[in-house]
Amino acid sequence: MGVDEGFGGEARDSADRHIDAWGDELPWLDPVQEAIVVRLAVLGRHLTQARRAALAGGGLEHGQFKILLALRRGGSPYAASPSELADRLGLTRGALSARLGPLERAGLIERGAEPGHDRRRVRVRLTAAGDAAFERHAAAENRGEAALLATLDPHERRTLADLLRRLVIEASR
């Protein structure tokens, strides 16, 4: 194994350098386990940064996008009560209200009385502009993720997805 190569003759990365640095200091360190954990952390940071960049390009903040996402995920007609939205997002009613204002001013959502009920029952609805903003951001995020995964062939992607599912299930116990 040369200086430029990691396990199996692959190019070396920051995880390999991390393992090299700690290998002598921590003889009990399992290099394969450490490589997996470090690489998952690196990829998590990469995806978080890519999502932030996609949001910035679309003029949305993370919390604002999460509201649009929650409305879309709820299905047509893309509406929910403020309390339903707060529960979906794990927010207090006050925190949600603070996030709804800028979205409403931007024309991405609208708040109004629920049809057929008294005025006290409010619904938050995704507008056409909000739906378009969601689609633009989701598509930009998808392009970045697809570019990252393009280095793997379809079989490798399926294998990775299956292996990660097993880890997520174990972590969720």
Protein backbone atom coordinates (compact mmCIF):
# COMPACT_ATOMS: atom_id res chain seq x y z
CA MET A 1 0.00 0.00 0.00
CA GLY A 2 1.60 3.25 -1.17
CA VAL A 3 1.39 6.66 0.43
CA ASP A 4 -1.49 7.66 -1.89
CA GLU A 5 -3.52 4.51 -1.34
CA GLY A 6 -5.84 3.30 1.41
CA PHE A 7 -7.37 -0.14 1.91
CA GLY A 8 -7.72 -2.09 -1.34
CA GLY A 9 -5.58 0.31 -3.36
CA GLU A 10 -8.20 3.10 -3.24
CA ALA A 11 -7.18 6.76 -3.03
CA ARG A 12 -6.57 7.98 0.52
CA ASP A 13 -8.86 10.44 2.24
CA SER A 14 -9.10 12.34 5.52
CA ALA A 15 -10.33 9.19 7.30
CA ASP A 16 -7.16 7.34 6.31
CA ARG A 17 -5.03 10.20 7.64
CA HIS A 18 -7.10 10.25 10.84
CA ILE A 19 -6.52 6.52 11.34
CA ASP A 20 -2.80 6.92 10.63
CA ALA A 21 -2.58 9.64 13.27
CA TRP A 22 -4.38 7.64 15.94
CA GLY A 23 -3.26 4.12 15.07
CA ASP A 24 -0.08 4.20 17.15
CA GLU A 25 -1.66 6.19 19.98
CA LEU A 26 -4.70 3.92 20.34
CA PRO A 27 -3.64 0.33 19.60
CA TRP A 28 -7.15 -0.93 20.44
CA LEU A 29 -8.67 1.24 17.67
CA ASP A 30 -10.37 -0.87 14.97
CA PRO A 31 -9.29 0.92 11.75
CA VAL A 32 -12.24 -0.34 9.70
CA GLN A 33 -14.78 0.73 12.33
CA GLU A 34 -13.10 4.10 12.68
CA ALA A 35 -12.99 4.55 8.89
CA ILE A 36 -16.75 3.91 8.65
CA VAL A 37 -17.65 6.26 11.49
CA VAL A 38 -15.34 9.06 10.33
CA ARG A 39 -16.57 8.81 6.74
CA LEU A 40 -20.23 8.88 7.83
CA ALA A 41 -19.47 12.04 9.82
CA VAL A 42 -17.67 13.64 6.84
CA LEU A 43 -20.57 12.81 4.52
CA GLY A 44 -23.09 14.16 7.04
CA ARG A 45 -21.22 17.47 7.19
CA HIS A 46 -20.94 17.54 3.38
CA LEU A 47 -24.70 17.00 2.93
CA THR A 48 -25.53 19.62 5.56
CA GLN A 49 -23.31 22.18 3.83
CA ALA A 50 -24.76 21.31 0.40
CA ARG A 51 -28.31 21.73 1.75
CA ARG A 52 -27.43 25.10 3.26
CA ALA A 53 -25.92 26.22 -0.05
CA ALA A 54 -29.03 25.10 -1.95
CA LEU A 55 -31.24 26.99 0.51
CA ALA A 56 -29.13 30.13 0.27
CA GLY A 57 -29.36 29.97 -3.52
CA GLY A 58 -33.14 29.84 -3.24
CA GLY A 59 -33.41 32.60 -0.65
CA LEU A 60 -34.83 30.35 2.08
CA GLU A 61 -33.66 29.67 5.60
CA HIS A 62 -33.57 26.11 6.91
CA GLY A 63 -36.52 26.62 9.26
CA GLN A 64 -38.59 28.18 6.50
CA PHE A 65 -37.91 25.31 4.12
CA LYS A 66 -38.90 22.83 6.84
CA ILE A 67 -42.34 24.46 7.01
CA LEU A 68 -42.80 24.23 3.25
CA LEU A 69 -41.61 20.62 3.43
CA ALA A 70 -44.06 19.78 6.24
CA LEU A 71 -46.95 21.26 4.27
CA ARG A 72 -46.00 19.34 1.11
CA ARG A 73 -45.41 16.11 3.01
CA GLY A 74 -48.93 16.36 4.43
CA GLY A 75 -50.35 15.92 0.94
CA SER A 76 -52.86 17.89 -1.05
CA PRO A 77 -54.29 20.46 -0.35
CA TYR A 78 -50.96 21.26 1.40
CA ALA A 79 -52.58 22.82 4.45
CA ALA A 80 -52.47 22.25 8.20
CA SER A 81 -53.45 23.96 11.40
CA PRO A 82 -50.66 25.81 13.20
CA SER A 83 -50.78 23.26 16.02
CA GLU A 84 -50.45 20.36 13.54
CA LEU A 85 -47.48 22.07 11.91
CA ALA A 86 -45.82 22.80 15.24
CA ASP A 87 -46.21 19.15 16.26
CA ARG A 88 -44.84 17.87 12.94
CA LEU A 89 -41.81 20.12 13.28
CA GLY A 90 -41.25 19.73 17.02
CA LEU A 91 -41.70 23.47 17.61
CA THR A 92 -43.57 25.50 20.16
CA ARG A 93 -46.54 27.47 18.82
CA GLY A 94 -44.60 30.71 19.40
CA ALA A 95 -41.54 29.50 17.47
CA LEU A 96 -43.75 28.38 14.61
CA SER A 97 -45.58 31.70 14.53
CA ALA A 98 -42.26 33.55 14.25
CA ARG A 99 -41.33 31.42 11.24
CA LEU A 100 -44.69 31.76 9.53
CA GLY A 101 -44.61 35.57 9.36
CA PRO A 102 -41.73 35.92 6.88
CA LEU A 103 -43.13 33.11 4.72
CA GLU A 104 -46.52 34.80 4.63
CA ARG A 105 -44.98 38.19 3.77
CA ALA A 106 -43.03 36.51 0.95
CA GLY A 107 -46.25 35.02 -0.40
CA LEU A 108 -45.11 31.43 0.13
CA ILE A 109 -47.89 30.54 2.58
CA GLU A 110 -51.20 32.03 3.58
CA ARG A 111 -53.07 31.84 6.85
CA GLY A 112 -56.83 31.97 6.90
CA ALA A 113 -59.96 30.64 8.51
CA GLU A 114 -60.73 27.02 7.82
CA PRO A 115 -63.57 26.81 5.28
CA GLY A 116 -66.87 25.81 6.87
CA HIS A 117 -65.74 26.67 10.42
CA ASP A 118 -65.71 29.76 12.56
CA ARG A 119 -62.85 32.21 12.19
CA ARG A 120 -60.97 30.83 15.20
CA ARG A 121 -59.86 27.73 13.29
CA VAL A 122 -56.89 28.81 11.20
CA ARG A 123 -55.22 26.83 8.42
CA VAL A 124 -51.77 27.44 6.99
CA ARG A 125 -51.74 26.78 3.25
CA LEU A 126 -48.91 26.48 0.78
CA THR A 127 -49.40 29.00 -2.05
CA ALA A 128 -48.47 28.38 -5.67
CA ALA A 129 -45.34 30.49 -5.08
CA GLY A 130 -44.52 28.42 -1.97
CA ASP A 131 -44.98 25.20 -3.90
CA ALA A 132 -42.68 26.49 -6.65
CA ALA A 133 -40.05 27.55 -4.08
CA PHE A 134 -40.24 24.10 -2.47
CA GLU A 135 -39.86 22.39 -5.87
CA ARG A 136 -36.86 24.55 -6.84
CA HIS A 137 -35.07 23.84 -3.58
CA ALA A 138 -35.90 20.13 -3.53
CA ALA A 139 -34.70 19.76 -7.13
CA ALA A 140 -31.45 21.62 -6.38
CA GLU A 141 -30.86 19.46 -3.33
CA ASN A 142 -31.60 16.32 -5.34
CA ARG A 143 -29.11 17.31 -8.05
CA GLY A 144 -26.36 17.73 -5.45
CA GLU A 145 -27.13 14.37 -3.85
CA ALA A 146 -27.25 12.65 -7.24
CA ALA A 147 -23.88 14.14 -8.15
CA LEU A 148 -22.37 12.80 -4.93
CA LEU A 149 -23.79 9.31 -5.48
CA ALA A 150 -22.89 9.22 -9.19
CA THR A 151 -19.51 7.77 -8.27
CA LEU A 152 -21.34 4.53 -7.33
CA ASP A 153 -23.04 2.24 -9.84
CA PRO A 154 -26.73 1.32 -9.27
CA HIS A 155 -25.86 -1.96 -7.52
CA GLU A 156 -23.41 -0.20 -5.18
CA ARG A 157 -26.02 2.46 -4.35
CA ARG A 158 -28.60 -0.23 -3.52
CA THR A 159 -26.07 -2.10 -1.36
CA LEU A 160 -25.11 1.10 0.47
CA ALA A 161 -28.79 1.99 1.02
CA ASP A 162 -29.47 -1.47 2.44
CA LEU A 163 -26.43 -1.38 4.74
CA LEU A 164 -27.28 2.10 5.99
CA ARG A 165 -30.87 0.99 6.66
CA ARG A 166 -29.54 -1.73 8.96
CA LEU A 167 -27.44 0.82 10.84
CA VAL A 168 -30.33 3.27 11.14
CA ILE A 169 -32.62 0.53 12.48
CA GLU A 170 -29.98 -0.43 15.05
CA ALA A 171 -29.43 3.19 16.05
CA SER A 172 -33.20 3.66 16.46
CA ARG A 173 -33.56 0.87 19.01
